[in-house]
PDB file of N, CA and C in Angstrom:
ATOM      1  N   MET A   1      50.695  30.467 -90.867  1.00  0.00           N
ATOM      2  CA  MET A   1      50.239  29.663 -89.791  1.00  0.00           C
ATOM      3  C   MET A   1      48.813  30.090 -89.397  1.00  0.00           C
ATOM      4  N   ALA A   2      47.926  29.144 -89.210  1.00  0.00           N
ATOM      5  CA  ALA A   2      46.538  29.446 -88.851  1.00  0.00           C
ATOM      6  C   ALA A   2      46.416  29.885 -87.390  1.00  0.00           C
ATOM      7  N   ALA A   3      45.518  30.769 -87.174  1.00  0.00           N
ATOM      8  CA  ALA A   3      45.285  31.225 -85.796  1.00  0.00           C
ATOM      9  C   ALA A   3      44.561  30.136 -85.001  1.00  0.00           C
ATOM     10  N   ILE A   4      44.916  30.045 -83.760  1.00  0.00           N
ATOM     11  CA  ILE A   4      44.277  29.038 -82.881  1.00  0.00           C
ATOM     12  C   ILE A   4      43.039  29.647 -82.247  1.00  0.00           C
ATOM     13  N   ASP A   5      41.914  28.991 -82.455  1.00  0.00           N
ATOM     14  CA  ASP A   5      40.676  29.440 -81.814  1.00  0.00           C
ATOM     15  C   ASP A   5      40.728  29.127 -80.322  1.00  0.00           C
ATOM     16  N   ASP A   6      40.082  29.958 -79.534  1.00  0.00           N
ATOM     17  CA  ASP A   6      40.015  29.715 -78.091  1.00  0.00           C
ATOM     18  C   ASP A   6      39.345  28.356 -77.793  1.00  0.00           C
ATOM     19  N   ASP A   7      38.415  27.943 -78.633  1.00  0.00           N
ATOM     20  CA  ASP A   7      37.719  26.679 -78.417  1.00  0.00           C
ATOM     21  C   ASP A   7      38.622  25.468 -78.603  1.00  0.00           C
ATOM     22  N   ASP A   8      39.718  25.644 -79.362  1.00  0.00           N
ATOM     23  CA  ASP A   8      40.639  24.550 -79.632  1.00  0.00           C
ATOM     24  C   ASP A   8      41.664  24.357 -78.512  1.00  0.00           C
ATOM     25  N   ARG A   9      41.805  25.330 -77.690  1.00  0.00           N
ATOM     26  CA  ARG A   9      42.781  25.245 -76.594  1.00  0.00           C
ATOM     27  C   ARG A   9      42.238  24.346 -75.497  1.00  0.00           C
ATOM     28  N   PRO A  10      43.134  23.617 -74.820  1.00  0.00           N
ATOM     29  CA  PRO A  10      42.659  22.775 -73.703  1.00  0.00           C
ATOM     30  C   PRO A  10      42.037  23.660 -72.618  1.00  0.00           C
ATOM     31  N   LYS A  11      40.932  23.151 -72.068  1.00  0.00           N
ATOM     32  CA  LYS A  11      40.263  23.886 -71.004  1.00  0.00           C
ATOM     33  C   LYS A  11      41.030  23.748 -69.699  1.00  0.00           C
ATOM     34  N   LYS A  12      41.172  24.822 -68.987  1.00  0.00           N
ATOM     35  CA  LYS A  12      41.847  24.786 -67.698  1.00  0.00           C
ATOM     36  C   LYS A  12      40.909  24.141 -66.697  1.00  0.00           C
ATOM     37  N   LYS A  13      41.360  23.125 -66.009  1.00  0.00           N
ATOM     38  CA  LYS A  13      40.534  22.441 -65.046  1.00  0.00           C
ATOM     39  C   LYS A  13      40.322  23.306 -63.848  1.00  0.00           C
ATOM     40  N   THR A  14      39.064  23.362 -63.381  1.00  0.00           N
ATOM     41  CA  THR A  14      38.748  24.120 -62.179  1.00  0.00           C
ATOM     42  C   THR A  14      39.467  23.484 -61.003  1.00  0.00           C
ATOM     43  N   ALA A  15      40.119  24.320 -60.224  1.00  0.00           N
ATOM     44  CA  ALA A  15      40.818  23.847 -59.029  1.00  0.00           C
ATOM     45  C   ALA A  15      40.514  24.827 -57.902  1.00  0.00           C
ATOM     46  N   HIS A  16      40.617  24.335 -56.721  1.00  0.00           N
ATOM     47  CA  HIS A  16      40.383  25.210 -55.579  1.00  0.00           C
ATOM     48  C   HIS A  16      41.515  25.043 -54.596  1.00  0.00           C
ATOM     49  N   GLU A  17      41.996  26.162 -54.115  1.00  0.00           N
ATOM     50  CA  GLU A  17      43.060  26.164 -53.105  1.00  0.00           C
ATOM     51  C   GLU A  17      42.397  26.652 -51.809  1.00  0.00           C
ATOM     52  N   ILE A  18      42.613  25.876 -50.754  1.00  0.00           N
ATOM     53  CA  ILE A  18      42.035  26.224 -49.458  1.00  0.00           C
ATOM     54  C   ILE A  18      42.573  27.599 -49.055  1.00  0.00           C
ATOM     55  N   GLY A  19      41.674  28.493 -48.626  1.00  0.00           N
ATOM     56  CA  GLY A  19      42.059  29.804 -48.187  1.00  0.00           C
ATOM     57  C   GLY A  19      42.218  30.805 -49.311  1.00  0.00           C
ATOM     58  N   GLN A  20      41.944  30.409 -50.522  1.00  0.00           N
ATOM     59  CA  GLN A  20      42.066  31.271 -51.685  1.00  0.00           C
ATOM     60  C   GLN A  20      41.121  32.476 -51.606  1.00  0.00           C
ATOM     61  N   ASP A  21      41.542  33.625 -52.135  1.00  0.00           N
ATOM     62  CA  ASP A  21      40.720  34.805 -52.184  1.00  0.00           C
ATOM     63  C   ASP A  21      39.541  34.544 -53.147  1.00  0.00           C
ATOM     64  N   LEU A  22      38.330  34.712 -52.686  1.00  0.00           N
ATOM     65  CA  LEU A  22      37.141  34.420 -53.493  1.00  0.00           C
ATOM     66  C   LEU A  22      36.483  35.635 -54.081  1.00  0.00           C
ATOM     67  N   THR A  23      36.995  36.812 -53.836  1.00  0.00           N
ATOM     68  CA  THR A  23      36.294  38.034 -54.240  1.00  0.00           C
ATOM     69  C   THR A  23      36.140  38.169 -55.742  1.00  0.00           C
ATOM     70  N   LEU A  24      37.047  37.624 -56.537  1.00  0.00           N
ATOM     71  CA  LEU A  24      36.959  37.802 -57.977  1.00  0.00           C
ATOM     72  C   LEU A  24      36.188  36.683 -58.683  1.00  0.00           C
ATOM     73  N   LEU A  25      35.688  35.725 -57.912  1.00  0.00           N
ATOM     74  CA  LEU A  25      34.969  34.580 -58.489  1.00  0.00           C
ATOM     75  C   LEU A  25      33.469  34.884 -58.597  1.00  0.00           C
ATOM     76  N   SER A  26      32.869  34.450 -59.673  1.00  0.00           N
ATOM     77  CA  SER A  26      31.413  34.635 -59.861  1.00  0.00           C
ATOM     78  C   SER A  26      30.666  33.564 -59.060  1.00  0.00           C
ATOM     79  N   VAL A  27      29.360  33.743 -58.949  1.00  0.00           N
ATOM     80  CA  VAL A  27      28.514  32.771 -58.281  1.00  0.00           C
ATOM     81  C   VAL A  27      28.634  31.431 -58.949  1.00  0.00           C
ATOM     82  N   ALA A  28      28.640  31.413 -60.276  1.00  0.00           N
ATOM     83  CA  ALA A  28      28.757  30.162 -61.029  1.00  0.00           C
ATOM     84  C   ALA A  28      30.098  29.456 -60.726  1.00  0.00           C
ATOM     85  N   GLU A  29      31.154  30.238 -60.668  1.00  0.00           N
ATOM     86  CA  GLU A  29      32.471  29.658 -60.347  1.00  0.00           C
ATOM     87  C   GLU A  29      32.495  29.112 -58.914  1.00  0.00           C
ATOM     88  N   LEU A  30      31.874  29.811 -58.016  1.00  0.00           N
ATOM     89  CA  LEU A  30      31.788  29.319 -56.622  1.00  0.00           C
ATOM     90  C   LEU A  30      31.010  28.028 -56.557  1.00  0.00           C
ATOM     91  N   ASN A  31      29.893  27.967 -57.285  1.00  0.00           N
ATOM     92  CA  ASN A  31      29.093  26.731 -57.314  1.00  0.00           C
ATOM     93  C   ASN A  31      29.894  25.587 -57.948  1.00  0.00           C
ATOM     94  N   ASP A  32      30.677  25.863 -58.971  1.00  0.00           N
ATOM     95  CA  ASP A  32      31.530  24.843 -59.556  1.00  0.00           C
ATOM     96  C   ASP A  32      32.550  24.305 -58.557  1.00  0.00           C
ATOM     97  N   ARG A  33      33.115  25.200 -57.778  1.00  0.00           N
ATOM     98  CA  ARG A  33      34.097  24.794 -56.783  1.00  0.00           C
ATOM     99  C   ARG A  33      33.451  24.005 -55.660  1.00  0.00           C
ATOM    100  N   ILE A  34      32.247  24.380 -55.282  1.00  0.00           N
ATOM    101  CA  ILE A  34      31.528  23.585 -54.252  1.00  0.00           C
ATOM    102  C   ILE A  34      31.257  22.192 -54.768  1.00  0.00           C
ATOM    103  N   ALA A  35      30.840  22.066 -56.010  1.00  0.00           N
ATOM    104  CA  ALA A  35      30.626  20.725 -56.611  1.00  0.00           C
ATOM    105  C   ALA A  35      31.913  19.926 -56.632  1.00  0.00           C
ATOM    106  N   LEU A  36      33.001  20.564 -57.010  1.00  0.00           N
ATOM    107  CA  LEU A  36      34.315  19.933 -57.058  1.00  0.00           C
ATOM    108  C   LEU A  36      34.700  19.418 -55.657  1.00  0.00           C
ATOM    109  N   LEU A  37      34.510  20.262 -54.677  1.00  0.00           N
ATOM    110  CA  LEU A  37      34.862  19.873 -53.272  1.00  0.00           C
ATOM    111  C   LEU A  37      33.961  18.748 -52.778  1.00  0.00           C
ATOM    112  N   ARG A  38      32.680  18.791 -53.139  1.00  0.00           N
ATOM    113  CA  ARG A  38      31.768  17.698 -52.710  1.00  0.00           C
ATOM    114  C   ARG A  38      32.188  16.368 -53.339  1.00  0.00           C
ATOM    115  N   GLU A  39      32.582  16.409 -54.607  1.00  0.00           N
ATOM    116  CA  GLU A  39      33.053  15.191 -55.248  1.00  0.00           C
ATOM    117  C   GLU A  39      34.320  14.669 -54.586  1.00  0.00           C
ATOM    118  N   GLU A  40      35.192  15.580 -54.209  1.00  0.00           N
ATOM    119  CA  GLU A  40      36.411  15.158 -53.521  1.00  0.00           C
ATOM    120  C   GLU A  40      36.128  14.579 -52.143  1.00  0.00           C
ATOM    121  N   ILE A  41      35.183  15.185 -51.415  1.00  0.00           N
ATOM    122  CA  ILE A  41      34.785  14.638 -50.109  1.00  0.00           C
ATOM    123  C   ILE A  41      34.223  13.241 -50.276  1.00  0.00           C
ATOM    124  N   ALA A  42      33.390  13.036 -51.266  1.00  0.00           N
ATOM    125  CA  ALA A  42      32.827  11.683 -51.511  1.00  0.00           C
ATOM    126  C   ALA A  42      33.938  10.702 -51.836  1.00  0.00           C
ATOM    127  N   ARG A  43      34.903  11.095 -52.607  1.00  0.00           N
ATOM    128  CA  ARG A  43      36.041  10.243 -52.945  1.00  0.00           C
ATOM    129  C   ARG A  43      36.838   9.880 -51.711  1.00  0.00           C
ATOM    130  N   LEU A  44      37.081  10.859 -50.860  1.00  0.00           N
ATOM    131  CA  LEU A  44      37.816  10.616 -49.605  1.00  0.00           C
ATOM    132  C   LEU A  44      37.038   9.694 -48.682  1.00  0.00           C
ATOM    133  N   GLU A  45      35.713   9.930 -48.552  1.00  0.00           N
ATOM    134  CA  GLU A  45      34.920   9.084 -47.677  1.00  0.00           C
ATOM    135  C   GLU A  45      34.849   7.647 -48.199  1.00  0.00           C
ATOM    136  N   ALA A  46      34.792   7.452 -49.525  1.00  0.00           N
ATOM    137  CA  ALA A  46      34.807   6.111 -50.096  1.00  0.00           C
ATOM    138  C   ALA A  46      36.113   5.408 -49.800  1.00  0.00           C
ATOM    139  N   ASP A  47      37.208   6.116 -49.841  1.00  0.00           N
ATOM    140  CA  ASP A  47      38.517   5.522 -49.561  1.00  0.00           C
ATOM    141  C   ASP A  47      38.625   5.172 -48.060  1.00  0.00           C
ATOM    142  N   ILE A  48      38.088   6.014 -47.193  1.00  0.00           N
ATOM    143  CA  ILE A  48      38.074   5.699 -45.757  1.00  0.00           C
ATOM    144  C   ILE A  48      37.293   4.429 -45.525  1.00  0.00           C
ATOM    145  N   ALA A  49      36.115   4.324 -46.134  1.00  0.00           N
ATOM    146  CA  ALA A  49      35.274   3.145 -45.942  1.00  0.00           C
ATOM    147  C   ALA A  49      35.986   1.875 -46.413  1.00  0.00           C
ATOM    148  N   LYS A  50      36.674   1.973 -47.580  1.00  0.00           N
ATOM    149  CA  LYS A  50      37.408   0.848 -48.111  1.00  0.00           C
ATOM    150  C   LYS A  50      38.534   0.413 -47.158  1.00  0.00           C
ATOM    151  N   LYS A  51      39.252   1.385 -46.605  1.00  0.00           N
ATOM    152  CA  LYS A  51      40.353   1.084 -45.686  1.00  0.00           C
ATOM    153  C   LYS A  51      39.855   0.531 -44.390  1.00  0.00           C
ATOM    154  N   GLN A  52      38.727   1.049 -43.886  1.00  0.00           N
ATOM    155  CA  GLN A  52      38.136   0.532 -42.634  1.00  0.00           C
ATOM    156  C   GLN A  52      37.682  -0.922 -42.832  1.00  0.00           C
ATOM    157  N   SER A  53      37.117  -1.213 -43.998  1.00  0.00           N
ATOM    158  CA  SER A  53      36.653  -2.577 -44.314  1.00  0.00           C
ATOM    159  C   SER A  53      37.824  -3.527 -44.330  1.00  0.00           C
ATOM    160  N   SER A  54      38.910  -3.109 -44.983  1.00  0.00           N
ATOM    161  CA  SER A  54      40.117  -3.952 -45.070  1.00  0.00           C
ATOM    162  C   SER A  54      40.690  -4.193 -43.669  1.00  0.00           C
ATOM    163  N   ARG A  55      40.696  -3.153 -42.876  1.00  0.00           N
ATOM    164  CA  ARG A  55      41.251  -3.273 -41.504  1.00  0.00           C
ATOM    165  C   ARG A  55      40.387  -4.194 -40.672  1.00  0.00           C
ATOM    166  N   SER A  56      39.061  -4.043 -40.779  1.00  0.00           N
ATOM    167  CA  SER A  56      38.137  -4.907 -40.011  1.00  0.00           C
ATOM    168  C   SER A  56      38.335  -6.347 -40.425  1.00  0.00           C
ATOM    169  N   ALA A  57      38.483  -6.601 -41.711  1.00  0.00           N
ATOM    170  CA  ALA A  57      38.696  -7.989 -42.189  1.00  0.00           C
ATOM    171  C   ALA A  57      40.005  -8.539 -41.632  1.00  0.00           C
ATOM    172  N   ALA A  58      41.050  -7.738 -41.631  1.00  0.00           N
ATOM    173  CA  ALA A  58      42.340  -8.207 -41.116  1.00  0.00           C
ATOM    174  C   ALA A  58      42.264  -8.459 -39.605  1.00  0.00           C
ATOM    175  N   GLU A  59      41.572  -7.583 -38.870  1.00  0.00           N
ATOM    176  CA  GLU A  59      41.456  -7.755 -37.441  1.00  0.00           C
ATOM    177  C   GLU A  59      40.677  -9.017 -37.093  1.00  0.00           C
ATOM    178  N   SER A  60      39.609  -9.278 -37.833  1.00  0.00           N
ATOM    179  CA  SER A  60      38.809 -10.483 -37.524  1.00  0.00           C
ATOM    180  C   SER A  60      39.570 -11.739 -37.929  1.00  0.00           C
ATOM    181  N   PHE A  61      40.386 -11.673 -38.955  1.00  0.00           N
ATOM    182  CA  PHE A  61      41.201 -12.838 -39.347  1.00  0.00           C
ATOM    183  C   PHE A  61      42.221 -13.180 -38.304  1.00  0.00           C
ATOM    184  N   PHE A  62      42.879 -12.170 -37.741  1.00  0.00           N
ATOM    185  CA  PHE A  62      43.941 -12.389 -36.760  1.00  0.00           C
ATOM    186  C   PHE A  62      43.409 -12.646 -35.351  1.00  0.00           C
ATOM    187  N   LYS A  63      42.119 -12.363 -35.071  1.00  0.00           N
ATOM    188  CA  LYS A  63      41.527 -12.673 -33.781  1.00  0.00           C
ATOM    189  C   LYS A  63      41.152 -14.126 -33.664  1.00  0.00           C
ATOM    190  N   SER A  64      41.035 -14.817 -34.766  1.00  0.00           N
ATOM    191  CA  SER A  64      40.601 -16.231 -34.755  1.00  0.00           C
ATOM    192  C   SER A  64      41.593 -17.096 -34.097  1.00  0.00           C
TER     193      SER A  64
END
């Protein structure tokens, strides 16, 4: 059986757990997590905007 190279293994996706111990993380890993969290914040804000838009449209329809 051939040995599996590390490059062939699936990459573990960076994840962040709120309150996680950060002492063992490098600056690069911390920056990656900040980017991940910023992307998630943008995704959440976009969903809020979409839901507010839908709600406003429904409210204006039923006020007529």
